[in-house]
N, C-alpha and C. Protein backbone atom coordinates (compact mmCIF):
# COMPACT_ATOMS: atom_id res chain seq x y z
N MET A 1 -12.65 -6.65 -49.17
CA MET A 1 -12.99 -6.55 -47.76
C MET A 1 -11.94 -7.24 -46.90
N LYS A 2 -11.50 -8.41 -47.34
CA LYS A 2 -10.52 -9.18 -46.61
C LYS A 2 -9.22 -8.39 -46.44
N GLU A 3 -8.81 -7.66 -47.49
CA GLU A 3 -7.58 -6.87 -47.44
C GLU A 3 -7.70 -5.75 -46.41
N TRP A 4 -8.90 -5.15 -46.31
CA TRP A 4 -9.11 -4.08 -45.34
C TRP A 4 -8.96 -4.61 -43.91
N VAL A 5 -9.46 -5.79 -43.65
CA VAL A 5 -9.35 -6.40 -42.32
C VAL A 5 -7.90 -6.67 -42.01
N LYS A 6 -7.16 -7.22 -42.96
CA LYS A 6 -5.74 -7.48 -42.75
C LYS A 6 -4.99 -6.18 -42.48
N LEU A 7 -5.30 -5.14 -43.26
CA LEU A 7 -4.65 -3.85 -43.09
C LEU A 7 -4.99 -3.26 -41.72
N TRP A 8 -6.25 -3.36 -41.31
CA TRP A 8 -6.67 -2.84 -40.01
C TRP A 8 -5.94 -3.57 -38.87
N VAL A 9 -5.84 -4.90 -38.93
CA VAL A 9 -5.13 -5.69 -37.93
C VAL A 9 -3.66 -5.28 -37.89
N PHE A 10 -3.05 -5.17 -39.07
CA PHE A 10 -1.63 -4.78 -39.15
C PHE A 10 -1.41 -3.41 -38.52
N LEU A 11 -2.24 -2.43 -38.85
CA LEU A 11 -2.08 -1.07 -38.30
C LEU A 11 -2.34 -1.04 -36.79
N THR A 12 -3.30 -1.83 -36.33
CA THR A 12 -3.58 -1.90 -34.89
C THR A 12 -2.38 -2.46 -34.14
N VAL A 13 -1.80 -3.54 -34.66
CA VAL A 13 -0.62 -4.14 -34.02
C VAL A 13 0.54 -3.16 -34.06
N LEU A 14 0.73 -2.51 -35.19
CA LEU A 14 1.82 -1.55 -35.33
C LEU A 14 1.64 -0.38 -34.38
N ALA A 15 0.44 0.10 -34.21
CA ALA A 15 0.18 1.25 -33.36
C ALA A 15 0.34 0.92 -31.87
N THR A 16 0.07 -0.32 -31.49
CA THR A 16 0.15 -0.69 -30.07
C THR A 16 1.49 -1.31 -29.70
N ALA A 17 2.34 -1.58 -30.66
CA ALA A 17 3.66 -2.17 -30.37
C ALA A 17 4.54 -1.13 -29.70
N PRO A 18 5.40 -1.56 -28.77
CA PRO A 18 6.29 -0.61 -28.12
C PRO A 18 7.23 0.03 -29.14
N ASN A 19 7.53 1.28 -28.93
CA ASN A 19 8.42 2.02 -29.82
C ASN A 19 9.86 1.63 -29.51
N SER A 20 10.47 0.86 -30.40
CA SER A 20 11.83 0.38 -30.14
C SER A 20 12.84 1.50 -30.10
N GLY A 21 12.56 2.61 -30.71
CA GLY A 21 13.50 3.74 -30.68
C GLY A 21 13.51 4.45 -29.35
N ALA A 22 12.52 4.20 -28.50
CA ALA A 22 12.42 4.89 -27.21
C ALA A 22 12.90 4.04 -26.05
N GLN A 23 13.53 2.90 -26.32
CA GLN A 23 14.00 2.04 -25.24
C GLN A 23 15.10 2.73 -24.45
N GLN A 24 15.13 2.45 -23.16
CA GLN A 24 16.14 3.03 -22.29
C GLN A 24 17.45 2.29 -22.43
N LYS A 25 18.53 3.04 -22.33
CA LYS A 25 19.84 2.42 -22.28
C LYS A 25 20.02 1.83 -20.89
N PRO A 26 20.83 0.76 -20.74
CA PRO A 26 21.01 0.16 -19.41
C PRO A 26 21.44 1.17 -18.35
N SER A 27 22.23 2.17 -18.71
CA SER A 27 22.69 3.15 -17.73
C SER A 27 21.58 4.09 -17.28
N GLU A 28 20.45 4.11 -18.02
CA GLU A 28 19.34 5.00 -17.68
C GLU A 28 18.20 4.27 -16.98
N LEU A 29 18.35 2.97 -16.74
CA LEU A 29 17.28 2.21 -16.13
C LEU A 29 16.96 2.72 -14.73
N LEU A 30 15.71 2.66 -14.37
CA LEU A 30 15.26 3.12 -13.06
C LEU A 30 15.81 2.25 -11.94
N TYR A 31 15.82 0.92 -12.14
CA TYR A 31 16.28 0.00 -11.11
C TYR A 31 17.63 -0.57 -11.52
N LYS A 32 18.69 0.02 -11.02
CA LYS A 32 20.04 -0.38 -11.41
C LYS A 32 20.57 -1.52 -10.57
N ASP A 33 20.01 -1.77 -9.40
CA ASP A 33 20.54 -2.75 -8.47
C ASP A 33 19.58 -3.91 -8.29
N GLN A 34 20.13 -5.04 -7.83
CA GLN A 34 19.32 -6.21 -7.57
C GLN A 34 18.54 -6.02 -6.26
N VAL A 35 17.59 -6.89 -6.01
CA VAL A 35 16.70 -6.77 -4.86
C VAL A 35 17.48 -6.74 -3.54
N GLY A 36 18.49 -7.57 -3.41
CA GLY A 36 19.23 -7.67 -2.16
C GLY A 36 20.27 -6.60 -1.96
N TYR A 37 20.33 -5.59 -2.80
CA TYR A 37 21.35 -4.54 -2.69
C TYR A 37 21.10 -3.69 -1.46
N LEU A 38 22.12 -3.51 -0.67
CA LEU A 38 22.05 -2.64 0.50
C LEU A 38 23.03 -1.49 0.28
N PRO A 39 22.54 -0.30 -0.01
CA PRO A 39 23.41 0.80 -0.40
C PRO A 39 24.30 1.30 0.73
N PRO A 40 25.55 1.63 0.42
CA PRO A 40 26.46 2.16 1.44
C PRO A 40 25.98 3.48 2.03
N SER A 41 25.11 4.20 1.34
CA SER A 41 24.60 5.47 1.85
C SER A 41 23.62 5.28 3.00
N ASN A 42 23.16 4.05 3.22
CA ASN A 42 22.21 3.76 4.30
C ASN A 42 22.85 4.08 5.65
N LYS A 43 22.11 4.70 6.54
CA LYS A 43 22.65 5.10 7.84
C LYS A 43 23.08 3.92 8.70
N ASP A 44 22.52 2.74 8.46
CA ASP A 44 22.87 1.56 9.24
C ASP A 44 23.96 0.73 8.57
N HIS A 45 24.51 1.24 7.47
CA HIS A 45 25.56 0.51 6.75
C HIS A 45 26.77 0.35 7.67
N SER A 46 27.32 -0.84 7.72
CA SER A 46 28.44 -1.14 8.60
C SER A 46 29.76 -0.83 7.90
N GLN A 47 30.45 0.18 8.37
CA GLN A 47 31.68 0.60 7.72
C GLN A 47 32.80 -0.42 7.87
N ASP A 48 32.81 -1.18 8.96
CA ASP A 48 33.87 -2.16 9.19
C ASP A 48 33.54 -3.54 8.64
N PHE A 49 32.37 -3.70 8.09
CA PHE A 49 31.94 -5.00 7.57
C PHE A 49 32.66 -5.28 6.26
N ILE A 50 33.25 -6.46 6.15
CA ILE A 50 33.98 -6.84 4.95
C ILE A 50 33.30 -8.03 4.30
N ARG A 51 32.92 -7.83 3.05
CA ARG A 51 32.33 -8.93 2.29
C ARG A 51 33.42 -9.87 1.84
N CYS A 52 33.09 -11.14 1.72
CA CYS A 52 34.05 -12.17 1.32
C CYS A 52 34.13 -12.35 -0.18
N ASN A 53 33.10 -11.91 -0.89
CA ASN A 53 33.04 -12.15 -2.31
C ASN A 53 32.39 -10.92 -2.98
N PRO A 54 33.04 -10.36 -4.01
CA PRO A 54 32.48 -9.16 -4.65
C PRO A 54 31.25 -9.44 -5.51
N ASN A 55 30.98 -10.71 -5.78
CA ASN A 55 29.82 -11.06 -6.61
C ASN A 55 28.53 -10.93 -5.81
N LEU A 56 27.42 -11.14 -6.49
CA LEU A 56 26.13 -11.08 -5.82
C LEU A 56 26.09 -12.10 -4.69
N PRO A 57 25.49 -11.73 -3.57
CA PRO A 57 25.38 -12.69 -2.46
C PRO A 57 24.35 -13.76 -2.77
N LEU A 58 24.45 -14.89 -2.09
CA LEU A 58 23.41 -15.91 -2.21
C LEU A 58 22.13 -15.34 -1.63
N GLY A 59 21.02 -15.62 -2.27
CA GLY A 59 19.74 -15.12 -1.80
C GLY A 59 19.44 -13.71 -2.25
N PHE A 60 20.14 -13.19 -3.28
CA PHE A 60 20.00 -11.79 -3.65
C PHE A 60 18.65 -11.45 -4.24
N TYR A 61 17.85 -12.41 -4.68
CA TYR A 61 16.52 -12.10 -5.20
C TYR A 61 15.46 -12.09 -4.11
N SER A 62 15.68 -12.81 -3.03
CA SER A 62 14.71 -12.80 -1.95
C SER A 62 15.44 -12.82 -0.62
N SER A 63 15.91 -13.96 -0.21
CA SER A 63 16.74 -14.08 0.99
C SER A 63 17.37 -15.45 0.97
N SER A 64 18.24 -15.69 1.91
CA SER A 64 18.92 -16.97 2.00
C SER A 64 18.14 -17.98 2.83
N GLY A 65 16.99 -17.58 3.36
CA GLY A 65 16.18 -18.51 4.12
C GLY A 65 15.59 -19.57 3.22
N PRO A 66 15.29 -20.74 3.67
CA PRO A 66 15.35 -21.21 5.05
C PRO A 66 16.67 -21.88 5.42
N TYR A 67 17.52 -22.18 4.47
CA TYR A 67 18.72 -22.95 4.79
C TYR A 67 19.78 -22.17 5.54
N ILE A 68 19.65 -20.87 5.63
CA ILE A 68 20.65 -20.05 6.33
C ILE A 68 20.49 -20.16 7.85
N TYR A 69 19.29 -20.52 8.34
CA TYR A 69 19.09 -20.67 9.78
C TYR A 69 19.89 -21.86 10.30
N LYS A 70 20.64 -21.66 11.39
CA LYS A 70 21.35 -22.79 12.00
C LYS A 70 20.31 -23.64 12.71
N GLY A 71 20.29 -24.90 12.40
CA GLY A 71 19.23 -25.77 12.91
C GLY A 71 18.05 -25.65 11.96
N ASN A 72 17.11 -24.78 12.30
CA ASN A 72 15.98 -24.50 11.42
C ASN A 72 15.29 -23.23 11.92
N LYS A 73 14.29 -22.79 11.22
CA LYS A 73 13.61 -21.56 11.59
C LYS A 73 12.91 -21.68 12.93
N SER A 74 12.37 -22.85 13.22
CA SER A 74 11.71 -23.07 14.50
C SER A 74 12.68 -22.84 15.67
N LYS A 75 13.89 -23.31 15.51
CA LYS A 75 14.92 -23.12 16.53
C LYS A 75 15.26 -21.62 16.67
N PHE A 76 15.34 -20.92 15.55
CA PHE A 76 15.60 -19.48 15.57
C PHE A 76 14.48 -18.75 16.29
N ARG A 77 13.24 -19.08 15.95
CA ARG A 77 12.07 -18.44 16.58
C ARG A 77 12.09 -18.67 18.09
N LYS A 78 12.38 -19.90 18.50
CA LYS A 78 12.44 -20.23 19.92
C LYS A 78 13.54 -19.42 20.61
N PHE A 79 14.69 -19.31 19.96
CA PHE A 79 15.81 -18.53 20.50
C PHE A 79 15.38 -17.08 20.75
N ILE A 80 14.71 -16.48 19.79
CA ILE A 80 14.27 -15.08 19.91
C ILE A 80 13.23 -14.94 21.02
N LEU A 81 12.20 -15.77 20.99
CA LEU A 81 11.09 -15.63 21.93
C LEU A 81 11.49 -15.91 23.37
N GLU A 82 12.42 -16.83 23.58
CA GLU A 82 12.87 -17.13 24.95
C GLU A 82 13.69 -15.99 25.55
N ARG A 83 14.32 -15.18 24.71
CA ARG A 83 15.23 -14.14 25.19
C ARG A 83 14.67 -12.73 25.08
N PHE A 84 13.54 -12.59 24.42
CA PHE A 84 12.94 -11.27 24.24
C PHE A 84 11.89 -11.04 25.30
N ASN A 85 12.15 -10.06 26.18
CA ASN A 85 11.21 -9.72 27.24
C ASN A 85 10.35 -8.56 26.76
N ASN A 86 9.11 -8.84 26.47
CA ASN A 86 8.23 -7.82 25.92
C ASN A 86 7.47 -7.04 26.99
N ASN A 87 7.75 -7.27 28.25
CA ASN A 87 6.99 -6.59 29.31
C ASN A 87 7.16 -5.08 29.29
N ASP A 88 8.25 -4.61 28.71
CA ASP A 88 8.54 -3.19 28.74
C ASP A 88 8.02 -2.42 27.53
N PHE A 89 7.36 -3.10 26.59
CA PHE A 89 6.99 -2.46 25.33
C PHE A 89 5.50 -2.58 25.05
N ASP A 90 4.99 -1.60 24.30
CA ASP A 90 3.60 -1.67 23.85
C ASP A 90 3.48 -1.34 22.36
N ASP A 91 4.59 -1.46 21.65
CA ASP A 91 4.64 -1.13 20.22
C ASP A 91 3.78 -2.09 19.39
N ASN A 92 3.30 -1.56 18.25
CA ASN A 92 2.58 -2.35 17.26
C ASN A 92 3.17 -2.03 15.89
N GLY A 93 3.38 -3.07 15.08
CA GLY A 93 3.89 -2.83 13.74
C GLY A 93 4.78 -3.96 13.27
N ILE A 94 5.56 -3.65 12.27
CA ILE A 94 6.46 -4.63 11.66
C ILE A 94 7.87 -4.06 11.69
N LEU A 95 8.78 -4.83 12.24
CA LEU A 95 10.19 -4.47 12.23
C LEU A 95 10.85 -5.29 11.13
N ASN A 96 11.38 -4.61 10.13
CA ASN A 96 12.04 -5.26 8.99
C ASN A 96 13.54 -5.04 9.11
N LEU A 97 14.30 -6.14 9.15
CA LEU A 97 15.75 -6.09 9.18
C LEU A 97 16.27 -6.70 7.89
N ARG A 98 17.05 -5.95 7.13
CA ARG A 98 17.71 -6.45 5.92
C ARG A 98 19.20 -6.39 6.20
N PHE A 99 19.92 -7.46 5.86
CA PHE A 99 21.34 -7.48 6.21
C PHE A 99 22.09 -8.53 5.41
N MET A 100 23.40 -8.46 5.51
CA MET A 100 24.29 -9.43 4.89
C MET A 100 24.96 -10.24 5.99
N ILE A 101 25.26 -11.50 5.68
CA ILE A 101 26.07 -12.35 6.54
C ILE A 101 27.27 -12.76 5.70
N ASN A 102 28.48 -12.43 6.17
CA ASN A 102 29.65 -12.80 5.37
C ASN A 102 30.09 -14.23 5.67
N CYS A 103 31.16 -14.67 5.03
CA CYS A 103 31.61 -16.06 5.16
C CYS A 103 32.20 -16.37 6.54
N HIS A 104 32.35 -15.35 7.38
CA HIS A 104 32.83 -15.55 8.74
C HIS A 104 31.69 -15.53 9.75
N GLY A 105 30.47 -15.38 9.26
CA GLY A 105 29.30 -15.34 10.14
C GLY A 105 29.04 -13.98 10.75
N GLU A 106 29.73 -12.97 10.25
CA GLU A 106 29.53 -11.60 10.76
C GLU A 106 28.38 -10.96 10.01
N VAL A 107 27.58 -10.21 10.75
CA VAL A 107 26.44 -9.52 10.16
C VAL A 107 26.81 -8.06 9.93
N GLY A 108 26.44 -7.56 8.77
CA GLY A 108 26.72 -6.16 8.45
C GLY A 108 25.83 -5.66 7.35
N ASP A 109 26.11 -4.44 6.89
CA ASP A 109 25.32 -3.78 5.86
C ASP A 109 23.84 -3.89 6.19
N ILE A 110 23.51 -3.38 7.34
CA ILE A 110 22.17 -3.54 7.93
C ILE A 110 21.26 -2.40 7.50
N GLU A 111 20.01 -2.74 7.22
CA GLU A 111 18.98 -1.74 6.99
C GLU A 111 17.82 -2.07 7.91
N VAL A 112 17.34 -1.09 8.65
CA VAL A 112 16.24 -1.27 9.60
C VAL A 112 15.06 -0.43 9.14
N ASN A 113 13.90 -1.08 9.03
CA ASN A 113 12.67 -0.38 8.66
C ASN A 113 11.61 -0.67 9.70
N GLU A 114 11.06 0.38 10.27
CA GLU A 114 9.99 0.27 11.26
C GLU A 114 8.70 0.71 10.57
N LEU A 115 7.72 -0.19 10.52
CA LEU A 115 6.52 0.05 9.71
C LEU A 115 5.25 -0.23 10.50
N ASP A 116 4.17 0.46 10.13
CA ASP A 116 2.88 0.09 10.69
C ASP A 116 2.32 -1.04 9.82
N TYR A 117 1.13 -1.51 10.12
CA TYR A 117 0.57 -2.64 9.38
C TYR A 117 0.16 -2.27 7.96
N GLY A 118 0.14 -0.99 7.63
CA GLY A 118 -0.11 -0.54 6.26
C GLY A 118 1.20 -0.25 5.53
N PHE A 119 2.31 -0.65 6.13
CA PHE A 119 3.66 -0.50 5.58
C PHE A 119 4.09 0.97 5.43
N GLU A 120 3.55 1.82 6.30
CA GLU A 120 4.00 3.21 6.37
C GLU A 120 5.05 3.30 7.48
N LYS A 121 6.05 4.15 7.28
CA LYS A 121 7.13 4.29 8.27
C LYS A 121 6.59 4.84 9.59
N ILE A 122 7.07 4.23 10.67
CA ILE A 122 6.77 4.69 12.02
C ILE A 122 8.06 4.65 12.82
N THR A 123 7.99 5.06 14.07
CA THR A 123 9.13 4.94 14.97
C THR A 123 8.72 4.05 16.13
N MET A 124 9.46 2.97 16.30
CA MET A 124 9.23 2.05 17.40
C MET A 124 10.19 2.39 18.54
N SER A 125 9.94 1.81 19.68
CA SER A 125 10.82 1.98 20.82
C SER A 125 12.25 1.58 20.45
N LYS A 126 13.21 2.45 20.71
CA LYS A 126 14.61 2.16 20.39
C LYS A 126 15.08 0.92 21.13
N ALA A 127 14.67 0.74 22.36
CA ALA A 127 15.09 -0.43 23.15
C ALA A 127 14.56 -1.72 22.53
N LEU A 128 13.32 -1.70 22.05
CA LEU A 128 12.74 -2.88 21.40
C LEU A 128 13.52 -3.23 20.13
N VAL A 129 13.77 -2.23 19.30
CA VAL A 129 14.50 -2.45 18.05
C VAL A 129 15.91 -2.95 18.34
N ASP A 130 16.59 -2.32 19.28
CA ASP A 130 17.97 -2.72 19.62
C ASP A 130 18.02 -4.15 20.16
N LYS A 131 17.06 -4.53 20.98
CA LYS A 131 17.05 -5.88 21.55
C LYS A 131 16.82 -6.93 20.46
N LEU A 132 15.87 -6.69 19.56
CA LEU A 132 15.62 -7.65 18.48
C LEU A 132 16.80 -7.72 17.52
N LYS A 133 17.45 -6.60 17.25
CA LYS A 133 18.65 -6.62 16.41
C LYS A 133 19.76 -7.43 17.08
N GLU A 134 19.97 -7.18 18.36
CA GLU A 134 21.01 -7.89 19.11
C GLU A 134 20.79 -9.41 19.05
N LEU A 135 19.56 -9.84 19.28
CA LEU A 135 19.26 -11.27 19.26
C LEU A 135 19.36 -11.86 17.85
N ALA A 136 18.80 -11.16 16.87
CA ALA A 136 18.76 -11.68 15.50
C ALA A 136 20.15 -11.79 14.88
N PHE A 137 21.04 -10.89 15.22
CA PHE A 137 22.34 -10.83 14.56
C PHE A 137 23.41 -11.69 15.22
N LYS A 138 23.04 -12.46 16.24
CA LYS A 138 24.02 -13.33 16.89
C LYS A 138 24.53 -14.38 15.90
N LYS A 139 25.83 -14.56 15.90
CA LYS A 139 26.50 -15.48 14.97
C LYS A 139 25.96 -16.91 15.10
N GLU A 140 25.57 -17.30 16.30
CA GLU A 140 25.11 -18.68 16.52
C GLU A 140 23.78 -18.99 15.83
N ASN A 141 23.11 -17.98 15.27
CA ASN A 141 21.84 -18.20 14.57
C ASN A 141 22.00 -18.63 13.12
N TRP A 142 23.20 -18.48 12.56
CA TRP A 142 23.33 -18.57 11.11
C TRP A 142 24.32 -19.63 10.64
N ASN A 143 23.92 -20.36 9.59
CA ASN A 143 24.84 -21.21 8.83
C ASN A 143 25.47 -20.29 7.79
N PHE A 144 26.76 -20.20 7.79
CA PHE A 144 27.37 -19.25 6.86
C PHE A 144 28.42 -19.87 5.94
N ASN A 145 28.62 -21.16 6.01
CA ASN A 145 29.51 -21.84 5.08
C ASN A 145 28.74 -22.92 4.34
N LEU A 146 27.75 -22.50 3.56
CA LEU A 146 26.87 -23.43 2.87
C LEU A 146 27.44 -23.94 1.55
N VAL A 147 28.42 -23.25 1.02
CA VAL A 147 29.05 -23.65 -0.24
C VAL A 147 30.56 -23.68 -0.04
N GLU A 148 31.27 -24.32 -0.97
CA GLU A 148 32.71 -24.50 -0.81
C GLU A 148 33.49 -23.20 -0.86
N LYS A 149 33.16 -22.31 -1.78
CA LYS A 149 33.92 -21.07 -1.89
C LYS A 149 33.33 -20.02 -0.94
N PRO A 150 34.13 -19.07 -0.49
CA PRO A 150 33.62 -18.02 0.41
C PRO A 150 32.50 -17.22 -0.25
N MET A 151 31.37 -17.14 0.41
CA MET A 151 30.22 -16.42 -0.11
C MET A 151 29.62 -15.54 0.97
N ASP A 152 28.90 -14.54 0.52
CA ASP A 152 28.11 -13.70 1.41
C ASP A 152 26.65 -14.07 1.17
N TYR A 153 25.83 -13.79 2.17
CA TYR A 153 24.42 -14.17 2.10
C TYR A 153 23.57 -12.95 2.42
N TYR A 154 22.53 -12.74 1.60
CA TYR A 154 21.56 -11.69 1.86
C TYR A 154 20.42 -12.30 2.66
N MET A 155 19.97 -11.60 3.68
CA MET A 155 18.88 -12.11 4.50
C MET A 155 18.00 -10.94 4.93
N TYR A 156 16.73 -11.22 5.13
CA TYR A 156 15.84 -10.25 5.73
C TYR A 156 14.96 -10.96 6.73
N LEU A 157 14.53 -10.23 7.72
CA LEU A 157 13.59 -10.74 8.73
C LEU A 157 12.48 -9.72 8.90
N LEU A 158 11.28 -10.20 9.11
CA LEU A 158 10.14 -9.36 9.46
C LEU A 158 9.61 -9.86 10.80
N PHE A 159 9.59 -8.97 11.77
CA PHE A 159 9.01 -9.29 13.08
C PHE A 159 7.67 -8.57 13.16
N ARG A 160 6.59 -9.32 13.26
CA ARG A 160 5.27 -8.71 13.46
C ARG A 160 5.09 -8.57 14.96
N ILE A 161 4.85 -7.34 15.39
CA ILE A 161 4.79 -7.03 16.82
C ILE A 161 3.41 -6.48 17.16
N GLU A 162 2.80 -7.08 18.18
CA GLU A 162 1.50 -6.63 18.68
C GLU A 162 1.61 -6.41 20.17
N ASN A 163 1.32 -5.19 20.61
CA ASN A 163 1.41 -4.81 22.02
C ASN A 163 2.77 -5.21 22.62
N GLY A 164 3.85 -4.98 21.84
CA GLY A 164 5.19 -5.25 22.32
C GLY A 164 5.62 -6.70 22.24
N LYS A 165 4.74 -7.56 21.79
CA LYS A 165 5.04 -9.00 21.73
C LYS A 165 5.29 -9.42 20.28
N VAL A 166 6.35 -10.21 20.06
CA VAL A 166 6.62 -10.76 18.73
C VAL A 166 5.64 -11.89 18.50
N VAL A 167 4.75 -11.72 17.50
CA VAL A 167 3.74 -12.75 17.22
C VAL A 167 4.05 -13.55 15.95
N GLU A 168 4.95 -13.01 15.13
CA GLU A 168 5.30 -13.74 13.91
C GLU A 168 6.67 -13.28 13.43
N ILE A 169 7.44 -14.24 12.89
CA ILE A 169 8.74 -13.94 12.32
C ILE A 169 8.75 -14.52 10.91
N LEU A 170 9.02 -13.68 9.92
CA LEU A 170 9.08 -14.10 8.53
C LEU A 170 10.46 -13.80 7.96
N PRO A 171 11.00 -14.40 6.96
CA PRO A 171 10.46 -15.57 6.29
C PRO A 171 10.72 -16.81 7.09
């Protein structure tokens, strides 16, 4: 009886183990790029933007926040809110900006996503999006020489907008 139990356990483990012969080759993997990858095919990709380092940017798994903010995030938030006039807008949703900051403090390789609160794509007012991009991408907002060698930094911002007003900025 004991042998049957051992055999049953062995066969169960063998049957549920992943088939090593069916593993994907690295070139066939579904996700070939890291999280912070911004593809050149993106319509907002900056053709004149020059990266300082061909290696992965700092913050490539999530973002370079919070140390990338010049001063701190509170100062960044204050900068945005003092300069953003929401009287002209009634949009609701989330504006997601993904971008790179090179070692010269220039912003490029931008991806813009306009989403509703269920994370479905929507279209927000072009003037609202342009104004928030203009404010967010100002060189004076970013620390860009955080390490000795020239590096690029991956960053993303989420602006939660209610009735045209920025109510939250993440991360």
